[in-house]
PDB file of N, CA and C in Angstrom:
ATOM      1  N   GLN A   1      -2.857  22.144  -0.240  1.00  0.00           N
ATOM      2  CA  GLN A   1      -3.565  20.949  -0.727  1.00  0.00           C
ATOM      3  C   GLN A   1      -3.613  19.875   0.352  1.00  0.00           C
ATOM      4  N   VAL A   2      -4.654  19.088   0.284  1.00  0.00           N
ATOM      5  CA  VAL A   2      -4.839  17.982   1.213  1.00  0.00           C
ATOM      6  C   VAL A   2      -5.062  16.721   0.396  1.00  0.00           C
ATOM      7  N   GLN A   3      -4.391  15.667   0.767  1.00  0.00           N
ATOM      8  CA  GLN A   3      -4.597  14.370   0.134  1.00  0.00           C
ATOM      9  C   GLN A   3      -5.262  13.435   1.134  1.00  0.00           C
ATOM     10  N   LEU A   4      -6.256  12.711   0.641  1.00  0.00           N
ATOM     11  CA  LEU A   4      -6.992  11.758   1.479  1.00  0.00           C
ATOM     12  C   LEU A   4      -6.898  10.382   0.843  1.00  0.00           C
ATOM     13  N   VAL A   5      -6.566   9.395   1.641  1.00  0.00           N
ATOM     14  CA  VAL A   5      -6.447   8.028   1.141  1.00  0.00           C
ATOM     15  C   VAL A   5      -7.235   7.100   2.047  1.00  0.00           C
ATOM     16  N   GLU A   6      -8.249   6.476   1.468  1.00  0.00           N
ATOM     17  CA  GLU A   6      -9.071   5.536   2.218  1.00  0.00           C
ATOM     18  C   GLU A   6      -8.501   4.125   2.109  1.00  0.00           C
ATOM     19  N   SER A   7      -8.789   3.326   3.103  1.00  0.00           N
ATOM     20  CA  SER A   7      -8.406   1.920   3.089  1.00  0.00           C
ATOM     21  C   SER A   7      -9.353   1.151   3.991  1.00  0.00           C
ATOM     22  N   GLY A   8      -9.312  -0.172   3.875  1.00  0.00           N
ATOM     23  CA  GLY A   8     -10.090  -1.012   4.767  1.00  0.00           C
ATOM     24  C   GLY A   8     -11.326  -1.640   4.159  1.00  0.00           C
ATOM     25  N   GLY A   9     -11.633  -1.283   2.929  1.00  0.00           N
ATOM     26  CA  GLY A   9     -12.803  -1.874   2.300  1.00  0.00           C
ATOM     27  C   GLY A   9     -12.588  -3.342   1.969  1.00  0.00           C
ATOM     28  N   GLY A  10     -13.670  -4.000   1.583  1.00  0.00           N
ATOM     29  CA  GLY A  10     -13.556  -5.403   1.229  1.00  0.00           C
ATOM     30  C   GLY A  10     -14.912  -6.060   1.131  1.00  0.00           C
ATOM     31  N   LEU A  11     -14.881  -7.381   1.078  1.00  0.00           N
ATOM     32  CA  LEU A  11     -16.098  -8.181   0.985  1.00  0.00           C
ATOM     33  C   LEU A  11     -16.355  -8.825   2.347  1.00  0.00           C
ATOM     34  N   VAL A  12     -17.543  -8.606   2.875  1.00  0.00           N
ATOM     35  CA  VAL A  12     -17.913  -9.206   4.156  1.00  0.00           C
ATOM     36  C   VAL A  12     -19.320  -9.757   4.069  1.00  0.00           C
ATOM     37  N   GLU A  13     -19.633 -10.672   4.966  1.00  0.00           N
ATOM     38  CA  GLU A  13     -20.987 -11.191   5.043  1.00  0.00           C
ATOM     39  C   GLU A  13     -21.848 -10.265   5.905  1.00  0.00           C
ATOM     40  N   ALA A  14     -23.115 -10.260   5.633  1.00  0.00           N
ATOM     41  CA  ALA A  14     -24.041  -9.446   6.412  1.00  0.00           C
ATOM     42  C   ALA A  14     -23.927  -9.798   7.895  1.00  0.00           C
ATOM     43  N   GLY A  15     -24.005  -8.772   8.716  1.00  0.00           N
ATOM     44  CA  GLY A  15     -23.895  -8.942  10.150  1.00  0.00           C
ATOM     45  C   GLY A  15     -22.496  -8.750  10.689  1.00  0.00           C
ATOM     46  N   ASN A  16     -21.515  -8.765   9.807  1.00  0.00           N
ATOM     47  CA  ASN A  16     -20.131  -8.589  10.233  1.00  0.00           C
ATOM     48  C   ASN A  16     -19.739  -7.124  10.264  1.00  0.00           C
ATOM     49  N   SER A  17     -18.456  -6.898  10.574  1.00  0.00           N
ATOM     50  CA  SER A  17     -17.968  -5.535  10.761  1.00  0.00           C
ATOM     51  C   SER A  17     -16.787  -5.243   9.850  1.00  0.00           C
ATOM     52  N   LEU A  18     -16.577  -3.955   9.616  1.00  0.00           N
ATOM     53  CA  LEU A  18     -15.404  -3.461   8.901  1.00  0.00           C
ATOM     54  C   LEU A  18     -15.012  -2.130   9.522  1.00  0.00           C
ATOM     55  N   ARG A  19     -13.732  -1.829   9.479  1.00  0.00           N
ATOM     56  CA  ARG A  19     -13.296  -0.501   9.866  1.00  0.00           C
ATOM     57  C   ARG A  19     -12.538   0.123   8.702  1.00  0.00           C
ATOM     58  N   LEU A  20     -13.045   1.248   8.259  1.00  0.00           N
ATOM     59  CA  LEU A  20     -12.387   2.005   7.202  1.00  0.00           C
ATOM     60  C   LEU A  20     -11.505   3.073   7.822  1.00  0.00           C
ATOM     61  N   SER A  21     -10.433   3.370   7.132  1.00  0.00           N
ATOM     62  CA  SER A  21      -9.534   4.440   7.568  1.00  0.00           C
ATOM     63  C   SER A  21      -9.386   5.472   6.458  1.00  0.00           C
ATOM     64  N   CYS A  22      -9.158   6.692   6.847  1.00  0.00           N
ATOM     65  CA  CYS A  22      -8.887   7.774   5.906  1.00  0.00           C
ATOM     66  C   CYS A  22      -7.672   8.526   6.422  1.00  0.00           C
ATOM     67  N   ALA A  23      -6.559   8.357   5.739  1.00  0.00           N
ATOM     68  CA  ALA A  23      -5.332   9.031   6.132  1.00  0.00           C
ATOM     69  C   ALA A  23      -5.197  10.336   5.362  1.00  0.00           C
ATOM     70  N   ALA A  24      -5.016  11.413   6.087  1.00  0.00           N
ATOM     71  CA  ALA A  24      -4.880  12.728   5.481  1.00  0.00           C
ATOM     72  C   ALA A  24      -3.425  13.183   5.506  1.00  0.00           C
ATOM     73  N   SER A  25      -3.008  13.846   4.453  1.00  0.00           N
ATOM     74  CA  SER A  25      -1.657  14.405   4.399  1.00  0.00           C
ATOM     75  C   SER A  25      -1.716  15.747   3.686  1.00  0.00           C
ATOM     76  N   GLY A  26      -0.614  16.461   3.782  1.00  0.00           N
ATOM     77  CA  GLY A  26      -0.576  17.788   3.187  1.00  0.00           C
ATOM     78  C   GLY A  26      -0.944  18.835   4.220  1.00  0.00           C
ATOM     79  N   ARG A  27      -1.679  19.841   3.810  1.00  0.00           N
ATOM     80  CA  ARG A  27      -2.040  20.945   4.700  1.00  0.00           C
ATOM     81  C   ARG A  27      -3.289  20.593   5.497  1.00  0.00           C
ATOM     82  N   THR A  28      -3.114  19.620   6.378  1.00  0.00           N
ATOM     83  CA  THR A  28      -4.240  19.154   7.174  1.00  0.00           C
ATOM     84  C   THR A  28      -4.425  20.032   8.400  1.00  0.00           C
ATOM     85  N   GLY A  29      -5.575  19.860   9.034  1.00  0.00           N
ATOM     86  CA  GLY A  29      -5.846  20.640  10.229  1.00  0.00           C
ATOM     87  C   GLY A  29      -6.848  19.930  11.101  1.00  0.00           C
ATOM     88  N   SER A  30      -6.634  20.006  12.415  1.00  0.00           N
ATOM     89  CA  SER A  30      -7.557  19.336  13.332  1.00  0.00           C
ATOM     90  C   SER A  30      -8.915  20.015  13.343  1.00  0.00           C
ATOM     91  N   SER A  31      -9.015  21.214  12.799  1.00  0.00           N
ATOM     92  CA  SER A  31     -10.302  21.912  12.774  1.00  0.00           C
ATOM     93  C   SER A  31     -11.123  21.570  11.541  1.00  0.00           C
ATOM     94  N   PHE A  32     -10.564  20.802  10.613  1.00  0.00           N
ATOM     95  CA  PHE A  32     -11.319  20.437   9.418  1.00  0.00           C
ATOM     96  C   PHE A  32     -12.509  19.571   9.803  1.00  0.00           C
ATOM     97  N   ALA A  33     -13.629  19.795   9.149  1.00  0.00           N
ATOM     98  CA  ALA A  33     -14.729  18.838   9.230  1.00  0.00           C
ATOM     99  C   ALA A  33     -14.381  17.672   8.315  1.00  0.00           C
ATOM    100  N   MET A  34     -14.495  16.461   8.859  1.00  0.00           N
ATOM    101  CA  MET A  34     -14.170  15.262   8.083  1.00  0.00           C
ATOM    102  C   MET A  34     -15.422  14.412   7.945  1.00  0.00           C
ATOM    103  N   GLY A  35     -15.745  14.060   6.736  1.00  0.00           N
ATOM    104  CA  GLY A  35     -16.970  13.311   6.502  1.00  0.00           C
ATOM    105  C   GLY A  35     -16.736  12.032   5.714  1.00  0.00           C
ATOM    106  N   TRP A  36     -17.729  11.183   5.776  1.00  0.00           N
ATOM    107  CA  TRP A  36     -17.768   9.993   4.933  1.00  0.00           C
ATOM    108  C   TRP A  36     -19.055  10.037   4.115  1.00  0.00           C
ATOM    109  N   PHE A  37     -18.900   9.717   2.854  1.00  0.00           N
ATOM    110  CA  PHE A  37     -20.031   9.585   1.956  1.00  0.00           C
ATOM    111  C   PHE A  37     -19.932   8.197   1.327  1.00  0.00           C
ATOM    112  N   ARG A  38     -21.023   7.776   0.702  1.00  0.00           N
ATOM    113  CA  ARG A  38     -20.979   6.505  -0.016  1.00  0.00           C
ATOM    114  C   ARG A  38     -21.820   6.596  -1.276  1.00  0.00           C
ATOM    115  N   GLN A  39     -21.421   5.778  -2.230  1.00  0.00           N
ATOM    116  CA  GLN A  39     -22.155   5.753  -3.491  1.00  0.00           C
ATOM    117  C   GLN A  39     -22.374   4.303  -3.896  1.00  0.00           C
ATOM    118  N   ALA A  40     -23.636   3.914  -3.894  1.00  0.00           N
ATOM    119  CA  ALA A  40     -24.015   2.568  -4.317  1.00  0.00           C
ATOM    120  C   ALA A  40     -24.176   2.555  -5.834  1.00  0.00           C
ATOM    121  N   PRO A  41     -24.089   1.388  -6.443  1.00  0.00           N
ATOM    122  CA  PRO A  41     -24.225   1.306  -7.900  1.00  0.00           C
ATOM    123  C   PRO A  41     -25.536   1.916  -8.374  1.00  0.00           C
ATOM    124  N   GLY A  42     -25.439   2.816  -9.327  1.00  0.00           N
ATOM    125  CA  GLY A  42     -26.625   3.432  -9.902  1.00  0.00           C
ATOM    126  C   GLY A  42     -27.279   4.501  -9.056  1.00  0.00           C
ATOM    127  N   LYS A  43     -26.635   4.868  -7.955  1.00  0.00           N
ATOM    128  CA  LYS A  43     -27.232   5.861  -7.060  1.00  0.00           C
ATOM    129  C   LYS A  43     -26.322   7.068  -6.883  1.00  0.00           C
ATOM    130  N   GLU A  44     -26.909   8.124  -6.323  1.00  0.00           N
ATOM    131  CA  GLU A  44     -26.140   9.318  -6.046  1.00  0.00           C
ATOM    132  C   GLU A  44     -25.254   9.087  -4.816  1.00  0.00           C
ATOM    133  N   ARG A  45     -24.190   9.844  -4.743  1.00  0.00           N
ATOM    134  CA  ARG A  45     -23.342   9.801  -3.559  1.00  0.00           C
ATOM    135  C   ARG A  45     -24.113  10.425  -2.399  1.00  0.00           C
ATOM    136  N   GLU A  46     -24.120   9.744  -1.272  1.00  0.00           N
ATOM    137  CA  GLU A  46     -24.921  10.205  -0.149  1.00  0.00           C
ATOM    138  C   GLU A  46     -24.085  10.363   1.115  1.00  0.00           C
ATOM    139  N   PHE A  47     -24.541  11.274   1.946  1.00  0.00           N
ATOM    140  CA  PHE A  47     -23.893  11.544   3.229  1.00  0.00           C
ATOM    141  C   PHE A  47     -24.055  10.350   4.158  1.00  0.00           C
ATOM    142  N   VAL A  48     -22.982  10.033   4.872  1.00  0.00           N
ATOM    143  CA  VAL A  48     -23.020   8.978   5.881  1.00  0.00           C
ATOM    144  C   VAL A  48     -22.818   9.564   7.276  1.00  0.00           C
ATOM    145  N   THR A  49     -21.724  10.307   7.447  1.00  0.00           N
ATOM    146  CA  THR A  49     -21.419  10.840   8.764  1.00  0.00           C
ATOM    147  C   THR A  49     -20.368  11.933   8.657  1.00  0.00           C
ATOM    148  N   VAL A  50     -20.274  12.763   9.678  1.00  0.00           N
ATOM    149  CA  VAL A  50     -19.274  13.822   9.725  1.00  0.00           C
ATOM    150  C   VAL A  50     -18.829  14.008  11.163  1.00  0.00           C
ATOM    151  N   ILE A  51     -17.588  14.442  11.306  1.00  0.00           N
ATOM    152  CA  ILE A  51     -17.042  14.711  12.632  1.00  0.00           C
ATOM    153  C   ILE A  51     -16.266  16.016  12.606  1.00  0.00           C
ATOM    154  N   ASN A  52     -16.478  16.793  13.614  1.00  0.00           N
ATOM    155  CA  ASN A  52     -15.626  17.929  13.891  1.00  0.00           C
ATOM    156  C   ASN A  52     -15.614  18.052  15.415  1.00  0.00           C
ATOM    157  N   TRP A  53     -16.317  19.008  15.966  1.00  0.00           N
ATOM    158  CA  TRP A  53     -16.385  19.024  17.423  1.00  0.00           C
ATOM    159  C   TRP A  53     -17.493  18.123  17.950  1.00  0.00           C
ATOM    160  N   ASN A  54     -18.367  17.665  17.083  1.00  0.00           N
ATOM    161  CA  ASN A  54     -19.318  16.615  17.405  1.00  0.00           C
ATOM    162  C   ASN A  54     -19.596  15.819  16.138  1.00  0.00           C
ATOM    163  N   THR A  55     -20.471  14.875  16.257  1.00  0.00           N
ATOM    164  CA  THR A  55     -20.689  13.962  15.134  1.00  0.00           C
ATOM    165  C   THR A  55     -22.157  13.948  14.730  1.00  0.00           C
ATOM    166  N   TYR A  56     -22.367  13.656  13.443  1.00  0.00           N
ATOM    167  CA  TYR A  56     -23.711  13.495  12.910  1.00  0.00           C
ATOM    168  C   TYR A  56     -23.720  12.267  12.006  1.00  0.00           C
ATOM    169  N   TYR A  57     -24.869  11.592  11.977  1.00  0.00           N
ATOM    170  CA  TYR A  57     -25.004  10.375  11.193  1.00  0.00           C
ATOM    171  C   TYR A  57     -26.282  10.417  10.371  1.00  0.00           C
ATOM    172  N   ALA A  58     -26.216   9.784   9.210  1.00  0.00           N
ATOM    173  CA  ALA A  58     -27.435   9.568   8.442  1.00  0.00           C
ATOM    174  C   ALA A  58     -28.321   8.595   9.208  1.00  0.00           C
ATOM    175  N   ASP A  59     -29.613   8.748   9.072  1.00  0.00           N
ATOM    176  CA  ASP A  59     -30.551   7.878   9.793  1.00  0.00           C
ATOM    177  C   ASP A  59     -30.327   6.415   9.456  1.00  0.00           C
ATOM    178  N   SER A  60     -29.935   6.149   8.229  1.00  0.00           N
ATOM    179  CA  SER A  60     -29.780   4.764   7.776  1.00  0.00           C
ATOM    180  C   SER A  60     -28.630   4.030   8.457  1.00  0.00           C
ATOM    181  N   VAL A  61     -27.723   4.758   9.087  1.00  0.00           N
ATOM    182  CA  VAL A  61     -26.565   4.103   9.703  1.00  0.00           C
ATOM    183  C   VAL A  61     -26.473   4.324  11.209  1.00  0.00           C
ATOM    184  N   LYS A  62     -27.365   5.126  11.751  1.00  0.00           N
ATOM    185  CA  LYS A  62     -27.305   5.399  13.195  1.00  0.00           C
ATOM    186  C   LYS A  62     -27.373   4.119  13.997  1.00  0.00           C
ATOM    187  N   GLY A  63     -26.502   4.038  14.978  1.00  0.00           N
ATOM    188  CA  GLY A  63     -26.474   2.866  15.839  1.00  0.00           C
ATOM    189  C   GLY A  63     -25.601   1.745  15.320  1.00  0.00           C
ATOM    190  N   ARG A  64     -25.194   1.824  14.065  1.00  0.00           N
ATOM    191  CA  ARG A  64     -24.367   0.766  13.482  1.00  0.00           C
ATOM    192  C   ARG A  64     -22.983   1.256  13.072  1.00  0.00           C
ATOM    193  N   ILE A  65     -22.873   2.539  12.842  1.00  0.00           N
ATOM    194  CA  ILE A  65     -21.628   3.106  12.329  1.00  0.00           C
ATOM    195  C   ILE A  65     -21.141   4.183  13.283  1.00  0.00           C
ATOM    196  N   THR A  66     -19.832   4.205  13.513  1.00  0.00           N
ATOM    197  CA  THR A  66     -19.229   5.204  14.387  1.00  0.00           C
ATOM    198  C   THR A  66     -18.037   5.843  13.694  1.00  0.00           C
ATOM    199  N   ILE A  67     -18.018   7.173  13.684  1.00  0.00           N
ATOM    200  CA  ILE A  67     -16.874   7.892  13.134  1.00  0.00           C
ATOM    201  C   ILE A  67     -15.998   8.369  14.285  1.00  0.00           C
ATOM    202  N   SER A  68     -14.702   8.336  14.065  1.00  0.00           N
ATOM    203  CA  SER A  68     -13.767   8.850  15.064  1.00  0.00           C
ATOM    204  C   SER A  68     -12.550   9.411  14.341  1.00  0.00           C
ATOM    205  N   ARG A  69     -11.753  10.176  15.054  1.00  0.00           N
ATOM    206  CA  ARG A  69     -10.562  10.730  14.425  1.00  0.00           C
ATOM    207  C   ARG A  69      -9.412  10.731  15.418  1.00  0.00           C
ATOM    208  N   ASP A  70      -8.227  10.564  14.882  1.00  0.00           N
ATOM    209  CA  ASP A  70      -7.003  10.634  15.660  1.00  0.00           C
ATOM    210  C   ASP A  70      -6.180  11.751  15.044  1.00  0.00           C
ATOM    211  N   ASN A  71      -6.240  12.914  15.648  1.00  0.00           N
ATOM    212  CA  ASN A  71      -5.565  14.081  15.066  1.00  0.00           C
ATOM    213  C   ASN A  71      -4.048  13.910  15.046  1.00  0.00           C
ATOM    214  N   ALA A  72      -3.514  13.163  15.999  1.00  0.00           N
ATOM    215  CA  ALA A  72      -2.067  12.946  16.025  1.00  0.00           C
ATOM    216  C   ALA A  72      -1.611  12.143  14.806  1.00  0.00           C
ATOM    217  N   LYS A  73      -2.501  11.283  14.309  1.00  0.00           N
ATOM    218  CA  LYS A  73      -2.183  10.462  13.135  1.00  0.00           C
ATOM    219  C   LYS A  73      -2.803  11.009  11.859  1.00  0.00           C
ATOM    220  N   ASN A  74      -3.525  12.113  11.968  1.00  0.00           N
ATOM    221  CA  ASN A  74      -4.227  12.675  10.801  1.00  0.00           C
ATOM    222  C   ASN A  74      -5.083  11.620  10.115  1.00  0.00           C
ATOM    223  N   THR A  75      -5.804  10.862  10.914  1.00  0.00           N
ATOM    224  CA  THR A  75      -6.589   9.755  10.382  1.00  0.00           C
ATOM    225  C   THR A  75      -7.998   9.790  10.958  1.00  0.00           C
ATOM    226  N   VAL A  76      -8.945   9.514  10.093  1.00  0.00           N
ATOM    227  CA  VAL A  76     -10.344   9.390  10.481  1.00  0.00           C
ATOM    228  C   VAL A  76     -10.759   7.946  10.240  1.00  0.00           C
ATOM    229  N   TYR A  77     -11.556   7.418  11.136  1.00  0.00           N
ATOM    230  CA  TYR A  77     -11.980   6.029  11.056  1.00  0.00           C
ATOM    231  C   TYR A  77     -13.491   5.938  10.920  1.00  0.00           C
ATOM    232  N   LEU A  78     -13.924   4.875  10.275  1.00  0.00           N
ATOM    233  CA  LEU A  78     -15.350   4.579  10.173  1.00  0.00           C
ATOM    234  C   LEU A  78     -15.541   3.129  10.580  1.00  0.00           C
ATOM    235  N   GLN A  79     -16.031   2.937  11.793  1.00  0.00           N
ATOM    236  CA  GLN A  79     -16.311   1.594  12.292  1.00  0.00           C
ATOM    237  C   GLN A  79     -17.729   1.228  11.903  1.00  0.00           C
ATOM    238  N   MET A  80     -17.850   0.157  11.138  1.00  0.00           N
ATOM    239  CA  MET A  80     -19.162  -0.244  10.637  1.00  0.00           C
ATOM    240  C   MET A  80     -19.486  -1.627  11.186  1.00  0.00           C
ATOM    241  N   ASN A  81     -20.550  -1.700  11.933  1.00  0.00           N
ATOM    242  CA  ASN A  81     -20.995  -2.960  12.538  1.00  0.00           C
ATOM    243  C   ASN A  81     -22.342  -3.360  11.974  1.00  0.00           C
ATOM    244  N   SER A  82     -22.699  -4.620  12.186  1.00  0.00           N
ATOM    245  CA  SER A  82     -24.001  -5.129  11.739  1.00  0.00           C
ATOM    246  C   SER A  82     -24.273  -4.733  10.295  1.00  0.00           C
ATOM    247  N   LEU A  83     -23.302  -4.982   9.457  1.00  0.00           N
ATOM    248  CA  LEU A  83     -23.419  -4.552   8.064  1.00  0.00           C
ATOM    249  C   LEU A  83     -24.554  -5.269   7.352  1.00  0.00           C
ATOM    250  N   LYS A  84     -25.171  -4.532   6.430  1.00  0.00           N
ATOM    251  CA  LYS A  84     -26.294  -5.029   5.647  1.00  0.00           C
ATOM    252  C   LYS A  84     -25.943  -4.982   4.167  1.00  0.00           C
ATOM    253  N   PRO A  85     -26.594  -5.794   3.358  1.00  0.00           N
ATOM    254  CA  PRO A  85     -26.328  -5.719   1.913  1.00  0.00           C
ATOM    255  C   PRO A  85     -26.525  -4.313   1.348  1.00  0.00           C
ATOM    256  N   GLU A  86     -27.447  -3.573   1.909  1.00  0.00           N
ATOM    257  CA  GLU A  86     -27.688  -2.203   1.417  1.00  0.00           C
ATOM    258  C   GLU A  86     -26.578  -1.226   1.790  1.00  0.00           C
ATOM    259  N   ASP A  87     -25.621  -1.674   2.578  1.00  0.00           N
ATOM    260  CA  ASP A  87     -24.448  -0.843   2.859  1.00  0.00           C
ATOM    261  C   ASP A  87     -23.394  -0.971   1.759  1.00  0.00           C
ATOM    262  N   THR A  88     -23.632  -1.857   0.816  1.00  0.00           N
ATOM    263  CA  THR A  88     -22.695  -2.039  -0.288  1.00  0.00           C
ATOM    264  C   THR A  88     -22.563  -0.743  -1.088  1.00  0.00           C
ATOM    265  N   ALA A  89     -21.334  -0.268  -1.212  1.00  0.00           N
ATOM    266  CA  ALA A  89     -21.094   1.009  -1.890  1.00  0.00           C
ATOM    267  C   ALA A  89     -19.590   1.268  -1.928  1.00  0.00           C
ATOM    268  N   VAL A  90     -19.228   2.277  -2.669  1.00  0.00           N
ATOM    269  CA  VAL A  90     -17.887   2.840  -2.557  1.00  0.00           C
ATOM    270  C   VAL A  90     -17.961   3.939  -1.509  1.00  0.00           C
ATOM    271  N   TYR A  91     -17.091   3.864  -0.543  1.00  0.00           N
ATOM    272  CA  TYR A  91     -17.083   4.820   0.556  1.00  0.00           C
ATOM    273  C   TYR A  91     -15.970   5.838   0.337  1.00  0.00           C
ATOM    274  N   TYR A  92     -16.360   7.100   0.436  1.00  0.00           N
ATOM    275  CA  TYR A  92     -15.434   8.202   0.193  1.00  0.00           C
ATOM    276  C   TYR A  92     -15.234   9.034   1.457  1.00  0.00           C
ATOM    277  N   CYS A  93     -14.001   9.365   1.698  1.00  0.00           N
ATOM    278  CA  CYS A  93     -13.652  10.289   2.765  1.00  0.00           C
ATOM    279  C   CYS A  93     -13.586  11.696   2.173  1.00  0.00           C
ATOM    280  N   ALA A  94     -14.038  12.674   2.936  1.00  0.00           N
ATOM    281  CA  ALA A  94     -14.032  14.049   2.450  1.00  0.00           C
ATOM    282  C   ALA A  94     -13.622  14.994   3.570  1.00  0.00           C
ATOM    283  N   ALA A  95     -13.020  16.103   3.184  1.00  0.00           N
ATOM    284  CA  ALA A  95     -12.589  17.099   4.156  1.00  0.00           C
ATOM    285  C   ALA A  95     -13.058  18.485   3.738  1.00  0.00           C
ATOM    286  N   ARG A  96     -13.443  19.272   4.722  1.00  0.00           N
ATOM    287  CA  ARG A  96     -13.746  20.677   4.478  1.00  0.00           C
ATOM    288  C   ARG A  96     -12.731  21.500   5.253  1.00  0.00           C
ATOM    289  N   SER A  97     -11.942  22.248   4.523  1.00  0.00           N
ATOM    290  CA  SER A  97     -10.834  22.972   5.138  1.00  0.00           C
ATOM    291  C   SER A  97     -11.194  24.377   5.569  1.00  0.00           C
ATOM    292  N   TYR A  98     -12.399  24.823   5.239  1.00  0.00           N
ATOM    293  CA  TYR A  98     -12.789  26.193   5.560  1.00  0.00           C
ATOM    294  C   TYR A  98     -13.936  26.189   6.563  1.00  0.00           C
ATOM    295  N   SER A  99     -14.122  27.313   7.206  1.00  0.00           N
ATOM    296  CA  SER A  99     -15.218  27.432   8.165  1.00  0.00           C
ATOM    297  C   SER A  99     -16.531  27.602   7.421  1.00  0.00           C
ATOM    298  N   GLY A 100     -17.559  27.002   7.939  1.00  0.00           N
ATOM    299  CA  GLY A 100     -18.869  27.122   7.318  1.00  0.00           C
ATOM    300  C   GLY A 100     -19.919  26.590   8.267  1.00  0.00           C
ATOM    301  N   LYS A 101     -21.139  26.507   7.773  1.00  0.00           N
ATOM    302  CA  LYS A 101     -22.196  26.000   8.639  1.00  0.00           C
ATOM    303  C   LYS A 101     -21.890  24.546   8.992  1.00  0.00           C
ATOM    304  N   TYR A 102     -22.317  24.179  10.157  1.00  0.00           N
ATOM    305  CA  TYR A 102     -22.066  22.814  10.622  1.00  0.00           C
ATOM    306  C   TYR A 102     -23.367  22.220  11.120  1.00  0.00           C
ATOM    307  N   PRO A 103     -23.684  20.991  10.787  1.00  0.00           N
ATOM    308  CA  PRO A 103     -22.806  20.079  10.043  1.00  0.00           C
ATOM    309  C   PRO A 103     -22.959  20.230   8.530  1.00  0.00           C
ATOM    310  N   PRO A 104     -21.911  19.928   7.803  1.00  0.00           N
ATOM    311  CA  PRO A 104     -21.983  19.959   6.344  1.00  0.00           C
ATOM    312  C   PRO A 104     -22.512  18.625   5.830  1.00  0.00           C
ATOM    313  N   PHE A 105     -23.712  18.624   5.318  1.00  0.00           N
ATOM    314  CA  PHE A 105     -24.337  17.391   4.858  1.00  0.00           C
ATOM    315  C   PHE A 105     -24.160  17.154   3.362  1.00  0.00           C
ATOM    316  N   SER A 106     -23.915  18.190   2.591  1.00  0.00           N
ATOM    317  CA  SER A 106     -23.912  18.021   1.144  1.00  0.00           C
ATOM    318  C   SER A 106     -22.509  17.899   0.587  1.00  0.00           C
ATOM    319  N   ARG A 107     -22.401  17.221  -0.543  1.00  0.00           N
ATOM    320  CA  ARG A 107     -21.111  17.031  -1.191  1.00  0.00           C
ATOM    321  C   ARG A 107     -20.433  18.348  -1.519  1.00  0.00           C
ATOM    322  N   GLN A 108     -21.210  19.323  -1.883  1.00  0.00           N
ATOM    323  CA  GLN A 108     -20.667  20.608  -2.330  1.00  0.00           C
ATOM    324  C   GLN A 108     -19.946  21.362  -1.223  1.00  0.00           C
ATOM    325  N   GLU A 109     -20.172  20.970   0.003  1.00  0.00           N
ATOM    326  CA  GLU A 109     -19.561  21.676   1.127  1.00  0.00           C
ATOM    327  C   GLU A 109     -18.162  21.173   1.451  1.00  0.00           C
ATOM    328  N   TYR A 110     -17.709  20.145   0.753  1.00  0.00           N
ATOM    329  CA  TYR A 110     -16.387  19.585   1.000  1.00  0.00           C
ATOM    330  C   TYR A 110     -15.471  19.928  -0.166  1.00  0.00           C
ATOM    331  N   ASN A 111     -14.243  20.266   0.132  1.00  0.00           N
ATOM    332  CA  ASN A 111     -13.344  20.648  -0.949  1.00  0.00           C
ATOM    333  C   ASN A 111     -12.208  19.655  -1.204  1.00  0.00           C
ATOM    334  N   TYR A 112     -12.139  18.590  -0.427  1.00  0.00           N
ATOM    335  CA  TYR A 112     -11.146  17.546  -0.699  1.00  0.00           C
ATOM    336  C   TYR A 112     -11.825  16.177  -0.585  1.00  0.00           C
ATOM    337  N   TRP A 113     -11.410  15.283  -1.491  1.00  0.00           N
ATOM    338  CA  TRP A 113     -11.998  13.945  -1.542  1.00  0.00           C
ATOM    339  C   TRP A 113     -10.919  12.892  -1.736  1.00  0.00           C
ATOM    340  N   GLY A 114     -11.167  11.724  -1.153  1.00  0.00           N
ATOM    341  CA  GLY A 114     -10.319  10.583  -1.439  1.00  0.00           C
ATOM    342  C   GLY A 114     -10.813   9.846  -2.672  1.00  0.00           C
ATOM    343  N   GLN A 115     -10.123   8.788  -3.007  1.00  0.00           N
ATOM    344  CA  GLN A 115     -10.455   8.040  -4.218  1.00  0.00           C
ATOM    345  C   GLN A 115     -11.522   6.982  -3.973  1.00  0.00           C
ATOM    346  N   GLY A 116     -11.816   6.716  -2.715  1.00  0.00           N
ATOM    347  CA  GLY A 116     -12.855   5.761  -2.364  1.00  0.00           C
ATOM    348  C   GLY A 116     -12.327   4.368  -2.097  1.00  0.00           C
ATOM    349  N   THR A 117     -13.066   3.645  -1.280  1.00  0.00           N
ATOM    350  CA  THR A 117     -12.754   2.246  -1.014  1.00  0.00           C
ATOM    351  C   THR A 117     -14.061   1.467  -1.081  1.00  0.00           C
ATOM    352  N   ARG A 118     -14.014   0.333  -1.736  1.00  0.00           N
ATOM    353  CA  ARG A 118     -15.249  -0.410  -2.012  1.00  0.00           C
ATOM    354  C   ARG A 118     -15.580  -1.351  -0.862  1.00  0.00           C
ATOM    355  N   VAL A 119     -16.844  -1.305  -0.475  1.00  0.00           N
ATOM    356  CA  VAL A 119     -17.375  -2.223   0.543  1.00  0.00           C
ATOM    357  C   VAL A 119     -18.499  -3.025  -0.090  1.00  0.00           C
ATOM    358  N   THR A 120     -18.379  -4.342  -0.005  1.00  0.00           N
ATOM    359  CA  THR A 120     -19.413  -5.216  -0.527  1.00  0.00           C
ATOM    360  C   THR A 120     -19.892  -6.120   0.599  1.00  0.00           C
ATOM    361  N   VAL A 121     -21.197  -6.094   0.838  1.00  0.00           N
ATOM    362  CA  VAL A 121     -21.782  -6.896   1.908  1.00  0.00           C
ATOM    363  C   VAL A 121     -22.665  -7.961   1.267  1.00  0.00           C
ATOM    364  N   SER A 122     -22.324  -9.196   1.485  1.00  0.00           N
ATOM    365  CA  SER A 122     -23.099 -10.295   0.897  1.00  0.00           C
ATOM    366  C   SER A 122     -24.164 -10.765   1.879  1.00  0.00           C
ATOM    367  N   SER A 123     -25.247 -11.228   1.320  1.00  0.00           N
ATOM    368  CA  SER A 123     -26.371 -11.673   2.166  1.00  0.00           C
ATOM    369  C   SER A 123     -26.258 -13.150   2.506  1.00  0.00           C
TER     370      SER A 123
END
């Protein structure tokens, strides 16, 4: 089993930055694909970014959001800059512990999830 715990969410004004963290514990592995998804009120959970041996980003966040990982700390980070009100959502960290096609864009391809951390961007 793998446990994921997100942190770093909060309320910020548009144009500012936040860094989210996802701490993994349990049967973790540096080969896991680690992703971030987000779910805005009334909307489906959507892919934001994923990292394994390279990174992929949703078009809506390219250039503003950077994913990174520190395998020694079993932690994945999401640096979010130039935040917009439309970035308001609950952000979820996800892990895929098995080998599969890469990159994994859909929720169904991940087998572990965190509880989410809320990000609110005011205009």
